[in-house]
Amino acid sequence: MSDRKYRFALISKFEKRCKDAGFPMPTLNKHREQWAADDLLESYDDPELVSAMDYYFTINPRPTWKGYCQNVDRLLLSMKAKKADEEFRAEMRQKAKEWLNES
C-alpha cells in the first residue's frame, strides 16, 4: 500500500494536466479514486506513471481519469513500441544515407 500523499499527488497531477490542456476540471471523488491511484503506484514507478500520463494527454482528445487508470499498461507498451520504432527508423535512415553516399 502506497503512502496516502502519493496517491493524492497522482490524482492532483492528472487534474493539473487537465487544467493545463484546457479541459474542464474533472469532478473526482479523491477519497474513492485514491484506491485506483494506489493500485497504479503498487504496479508501476512514479516516473513511468507521469510519462504515461503525459503521453495519454497527447494522444487522447478527451482524457478521463478512469480511461487513464484502465489503460496505463497499454500506454506504457505503446510508448515502448513507439520508441523502438523511432530508433529503427533512425537506423534505417542512416543506412540509406550511407548507401546513397557510396553510390
N, C-alpha and C. Protein backbone atom coordinates (compact mmCIF):
# COMPACT_ATOMS: atom_id res chain seq x y z
N MET A 1 0.85 -1.17 0.00
CA MET A 1 0.00 0.00 0.00
C MET A 1 0.90 1.23 0.00
N SER A 2 0.66 2.09 -0.95
CA SER A 2 1.49 3.30 -1.07
C SER A 2 1.05 4.35 -0.06
N ASP A 3 1.91 5.30 0.15
CA ASP A 3 1.63 6.38 1.09
C ASP A 3 0.46 7.21 0.56
N ARG A 4 -0.37 7.65 1.44
CA ARG A 4 -1.57 8.39 1.08
C ARG A 4 -1.26 9.65 0.27
N LYS A 5 -0.19 10.35 0.64
CA LYS A 5 0.12 11.60 -0.06
C LYS A 5 0.50 11.34 -1.51
N TYR A 6 1.13 10.19 -1.82
CA TYR A 6 1.48 9.87 -3.20
C TYR A 6 0.23 9.55 -4.03
N ARG A 7 -0.74 8.93 -3.40
CA ARG A 7 -1.99 8.63 -4.11
C ARG A 7 -2.69 9.92 -4.51
N PHE A 8 -2.81 10.83 -3.56
CA PHE A 8 -3.47 12.10 -3.85
C PHE A 8 -2.64 12.96 -4.79
N ALA A 9 -1.32 12.83 -4.73
CA ALA A 9 -0.45 13.59 -5.64
C ALA A 9 -0.67 13.14 -7.08
N LEU A 10 -0.84 11.84 -7.31
CA LEU A 10 -1.08 11.34 -8.66
C LEU A 10 -2.40 11.87 -9.21
N ILE A 11 -3.41 11.88 -8.38
CA ILE A 11 -4.71 12.41 -8.81
C ILE A 11 -4.60 13.90 -9.10
N SER A 12 -3.88 14.62 -8.26
CA SER A 12 -3.70 16.06 -8.46
C SER A 12 -2.91 16.35 -9.73
N LYS A 13 -1.93 15.50 -10.06
CA LYS A 13 -1.19 15.66 -11.31
C LYS A 13 -2.12 15.51 -12.50
N PHE A 14 -3.03 14.55 -12.43
CA PHE A 14 -3.99 14.37 -13.52
C PHE A 14 -4.88 15.59 -13.66
N GLU A 15 -5.38 16.09 -12.54
CA GLU A 15 -6.22 17.29 -12.59
C GLU A 15 -5.46 18.49 -13.14
N LYS A 16 -4.21 18.64 -12.76
CA LYS A 16 -3.40 19.74 -13.26
C LYS A 16 -3.17 19.62 -14.76
N ARG A 17 -2.93 18.39 -15.24
CA ARG A 17 -2.74 18.18 -16.68
C ARG A 17 -4.02 18.56 -17.44
N CYS A 18 -5.17 18.22 -16.86
CA CYS A 18 -6.45 18.60 -17.49
C CYS A 18 -6.56 20.11 -17.59
N LYS A 19 -6.27 20.78 -16.50
CA LYS A 19 -6.36 22.23 -16.47
C LYS A 19 -5.38 22.86 -17.45
N ASP A 20 -4.14 22.36 -17.49
CA ASP A 20 -3.12 22.90 -18.39
C ASP A 20 -3.46 22.67 -19.86
N ALA A 21 -4.15 21.56 -20.14
CA ALA A 21 -4.51 21.23 -21.52
C ALA A 21 -5.78 21.96 -21.97
N GLY A 22 -6.42 22.66 -21.05
CA GLY A 22 -7.61 23.43 -21.40
C GLY A 22 -8.91 22.66 -21.30
N PHE A 23 -8.87 21.51 -20.66
CA PHE A 23 -10.09 20.72 -20.46
C PHE A 23 -10.76 21.17 -19.17
N PRO A 24 -12.06 20.95 -19.06
CA PRO A 24 -12.71 21.29 -17.79
C PRO A 24 -12.17 20.39 -16.67
N MET A 25 -12.10 20.95 -15.50
CA MET A 25 -11.58 20.22 -14.34
C MET A 25 -12.47 19.01 -14.07
N PRO A 26 -11.89 17.81 -14.00
CA PRO A 26 -12.71 16.63 -13.75
C PRO A 26 -13.27 16.65 -12.33
N THR A 27 -14.47 16.13 -12.21
CA THR A 27 -15.07 16.04 -10.87
C THR A 27 -14.78 14.63 -10.35
N LEU A 28 -13.74 14.55 -9.55
CA LEU A 28 -13.31 13.27 -9.00
C LEU A 28 -13.53 13.26 -7.50
N ASN A 29 -14.02 12.16 -7.01
CA ASN A 29 -14.07 11.94 -5.57
C ASN A 29 -12.70 11.38 -5.20
N LYS A 30 -11.82 12.25 -4.72
CA LYS A 30 -10.43 11.85 -4.47
C LYS A 30 -10.33 10.71 -3.45
N HIS A 31 -11.24 10.67 -2.51
CA HIS A 31 -11.17 9.63 -1.49
C HIS A 31 -11.54 8.27 -2.06
N ARG A 32 -12.38 8.25 -3.07
CA ARG A 32 -12.71 6.99 -3.72
C ARG A 32 -11.66 6.61 -4.76
N GLU A 33 -11.19 7.58 -5.51
CA GLU A 33 -10.24 7.32 -6.58
C GLU A 33 -8.82 7.09 -6.08
N GLN A 34 -8.58 7.34 -4.80
CA GLN A 34 -7.24 7.10 -4.28
C GLN A 34 -6.88 5.62 -4.36
N TRP A 35 -7.86 4.74 -4.36
CA TRP A 35 -7.57 3.31 -4.42
C TRP A 35 -7.12 2.91 -5.81
N ALA A 36 -7.65 3.56 -6.84
CA ALA A 36 -7.15 3.31 -8.20
C ALA A 36 -5.72 3.81 -8.31
N ALA A 37 -5.45 4.98 -7.73
CA ALA A 37 -4.09 5.52 -7.72
C ALA A 37 -3.16 4.60 -6.94
N ASP A 38 -3.65 4.03 -5.85
CA ASP A 38 -2.84 3.11 -5.06
C ASP A 38 -2.47 1.88 -5.88
N ASP A 39 -3.42 1.34 -6.64
CA ASP A 39 -3.14 0.19 -7.48
C ASP A 39 -2.07 0.53 -8.52
N LEU A 40 -2.17 1.71 -9.11
CA LEU A 40 -1.17 2.12 -10.10
C LEU A 40 0.20 2.27 -9.47
N LEU A 41 0.25 2.89 -8.30
CA LEU A 41 1.54 3.10 -7.62
C LEU A 41 2.15 1.78 -7.14
N GLU A 42 1.30 0.80 -6.85
CA GLU A 42 1.80 -0.52 -6.46
C GLU A 42 2.40 -1.25 -7.65
N SER A 43 1.85 -1.01 -8.84
CA SER A 43 2.27 -1.74 -10.03
C SER A 43 3.40 -1.08 -10.81
N TYR A 44 3.45 0.25 -10.79
CA TYR A 44 4.40 0.98 -11.63
C TYR A 44 5.14 2.02 -10.81
N ASP A 45 6.29 2.45 -11.33
CA ASP A 45 7.05 3.52 -10.70
C ASP A 45 6.39 4.86 -11.01
N ASP A 46 6.62 5.84 -10.15
CA ASP A 46 6.03 7.16 -10.34
C ASP A 46 6.47 7.81 -11.65
N PRO A 47 7.76 7.77 -12.03
CA PRO A 47 8.14 8.38 -13.32
C PRO A 47 7.45 7.73 -14.52
N GLU A 48 7.24 6.41 -14.46
CA GLU A 48 6.52 5.73 -15.53
C GLU A 48 5.09 6.22 -15.62
N LEU A 49 4.45 6.39 -14.48
CA LEU A 49 3.06 6.84 -14.47
C LEU A 49 2.93 8.27 -15.01
N VAL A 50 3.88 9.12 -14.65
CA VAL A 50 3.83 10.51 -15.12
C VAL A 50 4.08 10.57 -16.62
N SER A 51 5.04 9.79 -17.13
CA SER A 51 5.29 9.80 -18.57
C SER A 51 4.11 9.20 -19.33
N ALA A 52 3.48 8.17 -18.76
CA ALA A 52 2.28 7.60 -19.39
C ALA A 52 1.15 8.62 -19.39
N MET A 53 1.06 9.41 -18.33
CA MET A 53 0.02 10.43 -18.25
C MET A 53 0.27 11.51 -19.32
N ASP A 54 1.51 11.92 -19.47
CA ASP A 54 1.84 12.91 -20.50
C ASP A 54 1.49 12.38 -21.89
N TYR A 55 1.84 11.13 -22.14
CA TYR A 55 1.54 10.51 -23.43
C TYR A 55 0.03 10.40 -23.64
N TYR A 56 -0.69 10.04 -22.60
CA TYR A 56 -2.15 9.92 -22.67
C TYR A 56 -2.79 11.24 -23.08
N PHE A 57 -2.27 12.33 -22.55
CA PHE A 57 -2.84 13.63 -22.89
C PHE A 57 -2.49 14.06 -24.31
N THR A 58 -1.42 13.53 -24.88
CA THR A 58 -1.08 13.88 -26.25
C THR A 58 -1.88 13.09 -27.27
N ILE A 59 -2.29 11.86 -26.93
CA ILE A 59 -2.98 11.02 -27.91
C ILE A 59 -4.49 10.99 -27.75
N ASN A 60 -5.00 11.38 -26.61
CA ASN A 60 -6.44 11.28 -26.35
C ASN A 60 -7.09 12.66 -26.39
N PRO A 61 -8.09 12.83 -27.24
CA PRO A 61 -8.74 14.15 -27.30
C PRO A 61 -9.62 14.46 -26.09
N ARG A 62 -10.10 13.46 -25.40
CA ARG A 62 -10.95 13.65 -24.21
C ARG A 62 -10.47 12.75 -23.08
N PRO A 63 -9.37 13.09 -22.44
CA PRO A 63 -8.83 12.21 -21.39
C PRO A 63 -9.71 12.16 -20.15
N THR A 64 -9.81 10.98 -19.59
CA THR A 64 -10.56 10.79 -18.34
C THR A 64 -9.68 10.02 -17.36
N TRP A 65 -9.95 10.19 -16.10
CA TRP A 65 -9.19 9.51 -15.06
C TRP A 65 -9.36 7.99 -15.18
N LYS A 66 -10.60 7.54 -15.36
CA LYS A 66 -10.84 6.10 -15.46
C LYS A 66 -10.16 5.51 -16.69
N GLY A 67 -10.22 6.25 -17.80
CA GLY A 67 -9.55 5.79 -19.01
C GLY A 67 -8.05 5.67 -18.81
N TYR A 68 -7.49 6.65 -18.12
CA TYR A 68 -6.05 6.60 -17.82
C TYR A 68 -5.73 5.40 -16.94
N CYS A 69 -6.48 5.22 -15.86
CA CYS A 69 -6.20 4.12 -14.93
C CYS A 69 -6.32 2.75 -15.59
N GLN A 70 -7.30 2.61 -16.46
CA GLN A 70 -7.54 1.32 -17.08
C GLN A 70 -6.53 0.99 -18.19
N ASN A 71 -5.88 2.02 -18.74
CA ASN A 71 -5.03 1.81 -19.90
C ASN A 71 -3.56 2.13 -19.68
N VAL A 72 -3.11 2.24 -18.46
CA VAL A 72 -1.72 2.57 -18.20
C VAL A 72 -0.79 1.52 -18.82
N ASP A 73 -1.15 0.25 -18.68
CA ASP A 73 -0.29 -0.80 -19.25
C ASP A 73 -0.20 -0.69 -20.76
N ARG A 74 -1.31 -0.40 -21.41
CA ARG A 74 -1.30 -0.22 -22.87
C ARG A 74 -0.51 1.02 -23.27
N LEU A 75 -0.65 2.08 -22.49
CA LEU A 75 0.10 3.30 -22.77
C LEU A 75 1.60 3.06 -22.69
N LEU A 76 2.03 2.36 -21.66
CA LEU A 76 3.46 2.07 -21.49
C LEU A 76 3.98 1.17 -22.62
N LEU A 77 3.19 0.18 -23.02
CA LEU A 77 3.60 -0.68 -24.13
C LEU A 77 3.67 0.12 -25.43
N SER A 78 2.71 0.99 -25.63
CA SER A 78 2.69 1.82 -26.83
C SER A 78 3.88 2.77 -26.86
N MET A 79 4.22 3.34 -25.71
CA MET A 79 5.38 4.23 -25.64
C MET A 79 6.66 3.47 -25.96
N LYS A 80 6.78 2.25 -25.44
CA LYS A 80 7.97 1.44 -25.69
C LYS A 80 8.05 1.07 -27.17
N ALA A 81 6.91 0.69 -27.78
CA ALA A 81 6.90 0.34 -29.20
C ALA A 81 7.22 1.55 -30.06
N LYS A 82 6.71 2.72 -29.68
CA LYS A 82 6.98 3.93 -30.44
C LYS A 82 8.47 4.28 -30.39
N LYS A 83 9.07 4.14 -29.23
CA LYS A 83 10.50 4.43 -29.08
C LYS A 83 11.33 3.46 -29.91
N ALA A 84 10.98 2.18 -29.87
CA ALA A 84 11.71 1.18 -30.66
C ALA A 84 11.56 1.46 -32.16
N ASP A 85 10.36 1.86 -32.58
CA ASP A 85 10.13 2.18 -33.98
C ASP A 85 10.94 3.40 -34.41
N GLU A 86 10.98 4.41 -33.58
CA GLU A 86 11.76 5.61 -33.90
C GLU A 86 13.24 5.28 -34.02
N GLU A 87 13.75 4.43 -33.13
CA GLU A 87 15.16 4.03 -33.20
C GLU A 87 15.44 3.23 -34.46
N PHE A 88 14.53 2.32 -34.80
CA PHE A 88 14.69 1.52 -36.00
C PHE A 88 14.68 2.40 -37.25
N ARG A 89 13.74 3.33 -37.30
CA ARG A 89 13.66 4.22 -38.47
C ARG A 89 14.90 5.11 -38.59
N ALA A 90 15.41 5.58 -37.46
CA ALA A 90 16.62 6.40 -37.50
C ALA A 90 17.80 5.58 -38.01
N GLU A 91 17.89 4.33 -37.58
CA GLU A 91 18.95 3.45 -38.04
C GLU A 91 18.82 3.19 -39.54
N MET A 92 17.60 2.94 -40.01
CA MET A 92 17.38 2.70 -41.44
C MET A 92 17.69 3.95 -42.27
N ARG A 93 17.33 5.12 -41.77
CA ARG A 93 17.66 6.37 -42.48
C ARG A 93 19.16 6.54 -42.59
N GLN A 94 19.86 6.25 -41.51
CA GLN A 94 21.32 6.36 -41.52
C GLN A 94 21.93 5.39 -42.53
N LYS A 95 21.45 4.17 -42.56
CA LYS A 95 21.96 3.19 -43.51
C LYS A 95 21.65 3.61 -44.95
N ALA A 96 20.47 4.18 -45.17
CA ALA A 96 20.11 4.64 -46.51
C ALA A 96 21.02 5.80 -46.94
N LYS A 97 21.33 6.70 -46.04
CA LYS A 97 22.22 7.81 -46.35
C LYS A 97 23.60 7.28 -46.70
N GLU A 98 24.10 6.32 -45.94
CA GLU A 98 25.40 5.73 -46.21
C GLU A 98 25.41 5.04 -47.55
N TRP A 99 24.34 4.33 -47.87
CA TRP A 99 24.24 3.61 -49.12
C TRP A 99 24.22 4.59 -50.30
N LEU A 100 23.47 5.69 -50.15
CA LEU A 100 23.40 6.70 -51.22
C LEU A 100 24.73 7.40 -51.41
N ASN A 101 25.47 7.63 -50.34
CA ASN A 101 26.77 8.28 -50.44
C ASN A 101 27.82 7.39 -51.08
N GLU A 102 27.66 6.07 -50.93
CA GLU A 102 28.60 5.14 -51.54
C GLU A 102 28.41 5.06 -53.04
N SER A 103 27.21 5.24 -53.50
CA SER A 103 26.93 5.09 -54.93
C SER A 103 27.46 6.21 -55.77
